[in-house]
Amino acid sequence: MKYTYTCKKVSLNDSIKDYAEKKISKLERYIREDATANVTFSVEKEHLCTVEITIRGAGPLLRAQTQAPDGDMRGAVDAAVGYIERQILKNKTRLAKRMRSEGFPPPAPASEFEVQEEQEFQIMRTKRFSVKPMSAEEAILQMNLLDHSFFVFRNSEDDSLCIVYRRKSGGYGLIATDEEA
């Protein structure tokens, strides 16, 4: 696995980066060899450390963002790696087709613990609507008027399909699609 590090508002020594690489390498048993891990370290107001790990490869995109107080970067790395591993194991049946199947641990023997069945994705409701051309600002206004967390629209500038969404950290995000040839 290849590693890329980004530091925002903080300078880190190599020991933190080595620690992150050691922890993330434990996920390699689930991930194909050609994956790239992007690790972003940042410190926000009042010494709140944030670690974001994004793993891109031939399989699905894996991402975790965690925070730890008082400059505890190692704790934030541990939490992010743990989150990704829990997501992989939670969805192991669905992911086994796209990721290394031999990397998943064998099922535990039945014991007095209740065996939790993996749930199917159940679509509860389907909505259809026309996607109107508008600017990103108009889409954000429409999303706020509807009190939704995201809104799909067609960009009036380049006619691409886009999504605006409300970010957990505040502000808004924009996802724009590329037209493939």
Protein backbone atom coordinates (compact mmCIF):
# COMPACT_ATOMS: atom_id res chain seq x y z
CA MET A 1 0.00 0.00 0.00
CA LYS A 2 1.20 3.51 -0.80
CA TYR A 3 0.83 6.29 1.77
CA THR A 4 0.31 10.01 1.26
CA TYR A 5 0.34 12.40 4.22
CA THR A 6 -1.12 15.89 4.46
CA CYS A 7 -0.76 18.15 7.50
CA LYS A 8 -3.08 21.13 7.99
CA LYS A 9 -2.28 23.67 10.68
CA VAL A 10 0.12 21.22 12.34
CA SER A 11 3.63 19.93 11.79
CA LEU A 12 4.23 16.31 12.70
CA ASN A 13 7.33 14.29 13.30
CA ASP A 14 8.01 11.00 11.54
CA SER A 15 7.03 8.92 14.59
CA ILE A 16 3.33 9.87 14.18
CA LYS A 17 3.46 9.06 10.48
CA ASP A 18 5.18 5.73 11.18
CA TYR A 19 2.55 4.96 13.82
CA ALA A 20 -0.26 5.70 11.33
CA GLU A 21 1.41 3.54 8.67
CA LYS A 22 1.80 0.66 11.13
CA LYS A 23 -1.88 0.83 12.15
CA ILE A 24 -3.23 1.22 8.61
CA SER A 25 -1.08 -1.66 7.39
CA LYS A 26 -3.25 -3.97 9.55
CA LEU A 27 -6.05 -3.30 7.05
CA GLU A 28 -3.98 -4.70 4.17
CA ARG A 29 -5.37 -8.18 4.79
CA TYR A 30 -8.73 -6.87 3.53
CA ILE A 31 -7.45 -4.62 0.74
CA ARG A 32 -5.79 -5.34 -2.60
CA GLU A 33 -2.13 -4.46 -3.02
CA ASP A 34 -2.64 -1.55 -5.43
CA ALA A 35 -4.40 0.64 -2.86
CA THR A 36 -3.37 4.13 -1.78
CA ALA A 37 -3.98 5.52 1.71
CA ASN A 38 -4.32 9.29 2.04
CA VAL A 39 -3.91 10.40 5.66
CA THR A 40 -4.71 13.99 6.64
CA PHE A 41 -3.73 15.35 10.04
CA SER A 42 -5.14 18.66 11.25
CA VAL A 43 -5.63 20.60 14.46
CA GLU A 44 -8.70 22.74 14.86
CA LYS A 45 -9.78 25.21 17.49
CA GLU A 46 -9.00 24.39 21.11
CA HIS A 47 -6.47 21.65 20.30
CA LEU A 48 -8.96 19.26 18.70
CA CYS A 49 -6.97 16.81 16.55
CA THR A 50 -8.59 15.43 13.42
CA VAL A 51 -7.36 12.46 11.40
CA GLU A 52 -8.94 11.59 8.06
CA ILE A 53 -8.01 8.32 6.35
CA THR A 54 -9.13 7.62 2.78
CA ILE A 55 -8.16 4.34 1.13
CA ARG A 56 -8.55 4.15 -2.64
CA GLY A 57 -7.96 1.00 -4.62
CA ALA A 58 -9.60 -1.35 -7.07
CA GLY A 59 -12.33 -2.07 -4.51
CA PRO A 60 -14.69 0.33 -2.79
CA LEU A 61 -13.57 3.64 -1.32
CA LEU A 62 -12.98 3.42 2.45
CA ARG A 63 -13.01 6.59 4.55
CA ALA A 64 -12.99 7.57 8.21
CA GLN A 65 -12.62 10.90 9.97
CA THR A 66 -12.14 10.99 13.73
CA GLN A 67 -11.27 13.60 16.31
CA ALA A 68 -9.42 13.42 19.60
CA PRO A 69 -8.93 16.14 22.23
CA ASP A 70 -5.68 17.55 23.59
CA GLY A 71 -3.34 16.70 20.73
CA ASP A 72 -3.85 12.92 20.85
CA MET A 73 -3.04 12.10 17.21
CA ARG A 74 -2.33 8.44 18.01
CA GLY A 75 -5.78 8.07 19.58
CA ALA A 76 -7.41 9.63 16.53
CA VAL A 77 -5.49 7.27 14.22
CA ASP A 78 -6.57 4.27 16.32
CA ALA A 79 -10.21 5.38 16.21
CA ALA A 80 -10.15 5.94 12.42
CA VAL A 81 -8.55 2.56 11.66
CA GLY A 82 -10.99 0.87 14.06
CA TYR A 83 -13.92 2.55 12.34
CA ILE A 84 -12.81 1.36 8.89
CA GLU A 85 -12.24 -2.18 10.15
CA ARG A 86 -15.69 -2.28 11.79
CA GLN A 87 -17.31 -1.08 8.54
CA ILE A 88 -15.48 -3.78 6.56
CA LEU A 89 -16.49 -6.53 8.98
CA LYS A 90 -20.07 -5.26 9.23
CA ASN A 91 -20.47 -5.46 5.45
CA LYS A 92 -18.10 -8.38 4.85
CA THR A 93 -20.52 -10.47 2.78
CA ARG A 94 -21.19 -7.64 0.36
CA LEU A 95 -17.57 -6.53 0.24
CA ALA A 96 -16.09 -10.02 -0.19
CA LYS A 97 -16.90 -9.93 -3.88
CA ARG A 98 -14.89 -6.73 -4.36
CA MET A 99 -12.10 -7.21 -1.85
CA ARG A 100 -9.87 -10.08 -0.81
CA SER A 101 -12.15 -12.84 0.41
CA GLU A 102 -9.29 -14.70 2.12
CA GLY A 103 -8.66 -11.67 4.33
CA PHE A 104 -11.88 -12.05 6.24
CA PRO A 105 -11.69 -14.06 9.45
CA PRO A 106 -13.61 -17.35 9.56
CA PRO A 107 -17.04 -17.13 11.17
CA ALA A 108 -17.01 -17.56 14.93
CA PRO A 109 -18.61 -20.75 16.26
CA ALA A 110 -22.13 -20.41 17.57
CA SER A 111 -22.17 -19.85 21.30
CA GLU A 112 -24.47 -18.39 23.90
CA PHE A 113 -24.12 -15.05 22.12
CA GLU A 114 -26.90 -14.18 19.76
CA VAL A 115 -25.84 -14.49 16.12
CA GLN A 116 -26.66 -11.28 14.30
CA GLU A 117 -27.94 -11.84 10.77
CA GLU A 118 -26.70 -9.48 8.12
CA GLN A 119 -29.53 -7.25 7.00
CA GLU A 120 -30.50 -6.72 3.40
CA PHE A 121 -30.56 -3.21 2.04
CA GLN A 122 -34.24 -2.43 2.08
CA ILE A 123 -35.48 0.54 0.08
CA MET A 124 -38.36 1.97 2.07
CA ARG A 125 -39.42 4.73 -0.30
CA THR A 126 -38.75 5.81 -3.87
CA LYS A 127 -39.14 9.41 -4.98
CA ARG A 128 -39.12 10.69 -8.53
CA PHE A 129 -38.60 14.31 -9.43
CA SER A 130 -37.42 16.38 -12.33
CA VAL A 131 -33.84 17.63 -12.09
CA LYS A 132 -33.90 21.31 -12.97
CA PRO A 133 -30.96 23.39 -14.17
CA MET A 134 -29.79 25.87 -11.50
CA SER A 135 -26.68 27.26 -9.86
CA ALA A 136 -25.11 25.74 -6.74
CA GLU A 137 -26.32 28.70 -4.67
CA GLU A 138 -29.91 28.16 -5.84
CA ALA A 139 -29.61 24.45 -5.01
CA ILE A 140 -28.40 25.24 -1.48
CA LEU A 141 -31.31 27.62 -1.02
CA GLN A 142 -33.75 24.95 -2.27
CA MET A 143 -32.17 22.33 0.03
CA ASN A 144 -32.53 24.65 3.03
CA LEU A 145 -36.14 25.44 2.13
CA LEU A 146 -36.93 21.72 2.03
CA ASP A 147 -34.91 21.13 5.24
CA HIS A 148 -32.98 18.28 3.59
CA SER A 149 -29.34 17.36 4.12
CA PHE A 150 -28.64 17.10 0.36
CA PHE A 151 -30.14 18.19 -2.95
CA VAL A 152 -29.68 16.87 -6.51
CA PHE A 153 -29.69 19.35 -9.39
CA ARG A 154 -28.37 19.92 -12.91
CA ASN A 155 -25.69 22.60 -13.08
CA SER A 156 -26.87 25.42 -15.34
CA GLU A 157 -23.28 26.25 -16.40
CA ASP A 158 -22.17 22.89 -17.81
CA ASP A 159 -25.35 20.74 -17.62
CA SER A 160 -23.66 18.18 -15.31
CA LEU A 161 -25.53 16.32 -12.60
CA CYS A 162 -24.53 17.68 -9.16
CA ILE A 163 -25.32 17.21 -5.49
CA VAL A 164 -24.99 19.81 -2.74
CA TYR A 165 -24.91 18.61 0.86
CA ARG A 166 -24.59 19.95 4.38
CA ARG A 167 -21.22 19.03 5.96
CA LYS A 168 -20.97 17.81 9.57
CA SER A 169 -18.24 20.35 10.28
CA GLY A 170 -20.38 23.20 8.96
CA GLY A 171 -20.70 24.70 5.53
CA TYR A 172 -21.69 22.94 2.33
CA GLY A 173 -20.16 20.48 -0.10
CA LEU A 174 -20.64 20.03 -3.84
CA ILE A 175 -20.34 16.76 -5.75
CA ALA A 176 -20.15 17.22 -9.51
CA THR A 177 -20.23 14.36 -12.01
CA ASP A 178 -17.91 14.05 -14.99
CA GLU A 179 -19.29 12.96 -18.32
CA GLU A 180 -17.30 9.92 -19.49
CA ALA A 181 -16.47 9.56 -23.14
